[in-house]
Structure formats: C-alpha cells, structure tokens
Protein backbone atom coordinates (compact mmCIF):
# COMPACT_ATOMS: atom_id res chain seq x y z
CA MET A 1 6.22 -17.92 15.81
CA PRO A 2 8.32 -17.66 13.14
CA TYR A 3 7.72 -17.60 9.05
CA TYR A 4 8.47 -20.77 6.58
CA CYS A 5 9.23 -20.69 3.47
CA TYR A 6 8.59 -23.00 1.00
CA GLU A 7 8.79 -23.89 -2.45
CA HIS A 8 6.94 -26.37 -4.43
CA LEU A 9 8.94 -29.08 -6.66
CA GLN A 10 6.91 -28.83 -9.79
CA GLU A 11 4.65 -27.28 -11.50
CA SER A 12 1.87 -26.18 -9.90
CA PRO A 13 -0.04 -23.81 -12.65
CA ARG A 14 -3.50 -24.47 -10.30
CA CYS A 15 -1.89 -23.12 -7.15
CA GLU A 16 -2.23 -19.78 -6.43
CA HIS A 17 0.98 -20.01 -4.32
CA HIS A 18 3.17 -21.26 -7.33
CA PRO A 19 6.02 -20.85 -7.20
CA GLY A 20 6.53 -20.57 -3.12
CA PHE A 21 5.00 -19.52 -0.19
CA GLU A 22 5.48 -18.58 3.94
CA VAL A 23 3.04 -20.65 6.79
CA GLU A 24 3.85 -19.48 10.72
CA GLN A 25 4.44 -22.34 12.20
CA PRO A 26 5.82 -23.34 15.26
CA ILE A 27 9.67 -24.31 15.58
CA ARG A 28 8.52 -27.84 17.05
CA ASP A 29 6.34 -28.95 13.82
CA LEU A 30 8.00 -30.75 11.16
CA PRO A 31 8.46 -28.74 8.12
CA LEU A 32 5.38 -29.64 5.42
CA GLN A 33 5.45 -31.90 3.00
CA VAL A 34 2.90 -31.26 0.30
CA CYS A 35 1.07 -27.68 -0.36
CA PRO A 36 -1.59 -26.73 1.96
CA TRP A 37 -3.99 -25.09 -1.03
CA CYS A 38 -3.18 -27.81 -4.15
CA GLY A 39 -1.23 -30.85 -2.40
CA ALA A 40 1.82 -30.19 -4.72
CA PRO A 41 5.16 -31.34 -2.86
CA VAL A 42 7.26 -28.50 -1.20
CA LYS A 43 10.34 -28.60 0.20
CA ARG A 44 11.44 -26.15 3.28
CA VAL A 45 14.46 -23.33 1.97
CA LEU A 46 16.11 -20.58 3.41
CA GLY A 47 14.29 -17.16 3.80
CA ALA A 48 15.17 -14.25 4.84
CA SER A 49 14.55 -13.81 9.02
CA LEU A 50 12.23 -10.74 10.37
CA ILE A 51 14.23 -10.24 13.03
CA LYS A 52 12.14 -7.76 15.90
CA SER A 53 14.93 -6.11 18.74
CA LYS A 54 13.94 -3.77 21.79
CA ASN A 55 17.34 -2.89 22.03
CA LEU A 56 18.67 -3.10 18.68
CA ASP A 57 19.71 0.61 18.53
CA CYS A 58 22.29 -0.47 21.57
CA GLU A 59 22.65 -3.78 20.06
CA LEU A 60 24.35 -1.65 16.97
CA ARG A 61 25.83 0.65 18.50
CA ASP A 62 27.71 -1.94 20.50
CA LYS A 63 28.72 -3.70 17.73
CA GLY A 64 30.11 -0.42 16.78
CA PHE A 65 27.70 0.56 13.78
CA THR A 66 26.21 4.56 14.11
CA LYS A 67 23.04 4.50 13.21
CA LEU A 68 21.58 8.36 12.15
CA VAL A 69 17.60 9.81 11.10
CA ARG A 70 17.30 11.63 9.17
CA VAL A 71 14.59 14.66 10.93
CA ASP A 72 14.95 17.74 8.72
CA ASP A 73 17.02 19.05 5.99
CA GLY A 74 21.15 18.46 7.12
CA LEU A 75 19.71 17.14 10.40
CA TYR A 76 19.93 13.27 11.57
CA GLU A 77 19.02 11.92 14.96
CA ASN A 78 22.24 9.91 16.30
CA LYS A 79 20.32 6.87 17.38
CA THR A 80 23.36 4.83 18.54
CA ARG A 81 24.80 7.89 20.10
CA ARG A 82 28.08 7.60 22.84
CA PRO A 83 29.18 9.05 26.26
CA GLY A 84 30.76 12.79 24.62
CA GLU A 85 28.27 12.78 21.22
CA GLU A 86 25.78 14.96 20.42
CA LYS A 87 22.71 13.72 20.29
CA TYR A 88 21.49 15.64 16.88
CA VAL A 89 23.99 15.43 13.66
CA ASP A 90 24.35 18.90 11.76
CA ARG A 91 25.85 18.20 8.25
CA ARG A 92 26.52 22.26 8.95
CA ARG A 93 28.63 21.41 11.87
CA PRO A 94 31.02 18.67 12.28
CA GLU A 95 31.25 19.24 15.79
CA THR A 96 28.45 17.07 16.05
CA LEU A 97 29.85 14.29 14.04
CA PRO A 98 30.17 10.94 15.45
CA ARG A 99 34.12 10.00 16.62
CA LEU A 100 33.94 7.71 14.25
CA GLU A 101 38.07 6.77 16.41
CA LYS A 102 36.25 5.78 19.36
CA THR A 103 34.17 2.70 17.21
CA ILE A 104 36.92 1.94 14.02
CA ARG A 105 39.81 -0.11 15.37
CA ASP A 106 42.41 -2.55 13.34
C-alpha cells in the first residue's frame, strides 16, 4: 500500500502533525480532506516515493549504470557487472574497472 503526504492548509498549533504527515492508504481511497488527528483541512501533496524492487541492480545495469559497493579499503563489489567484467573492483588494479565503453553511447 502506498504512502501519501499531506499538509495542513492553515495553522494548526494544537496538532502534533503540523505542518504535514504521511498516511498509508489504498490507491482506491479518495484523498483525505481533514487531518485525522485535529480535524483541520489538509491537502495531498507530491512527495518522494518509496521504490522497492528485487531486481533493482539488473534494472540499473540495463539502463547503463554501474553500482559499486565498498567491501574493504579500495575494494568494491560490482553489483551490476556485465559479461567479461570482474566481480570485484580493486582501485590498485585498473584492469578490474568496469568497461564503460560498453555502456556509454552518444
């Protein structure tokens, strides 16, 4: 179920959720008109969305991105490696760097 962001339309100093709050709601529900805690008028606003995907690393790779996760000092795991690339990137060994010429196009 998605979370929606709301903000008060007027000052509501007695509400602990002023100036805004998030509510988990089914997509089919209409936007709230009043604050559930103080009854003041509210409006739904555009907020950051939470995106979760089991295949996020694959999606990043398919869009041309490279994701390196630090394992140790100077050692990174390449989470988006392509065929022919090393699983681990060592900053002291340039041959382990990802092949950007395969991902960067004009």
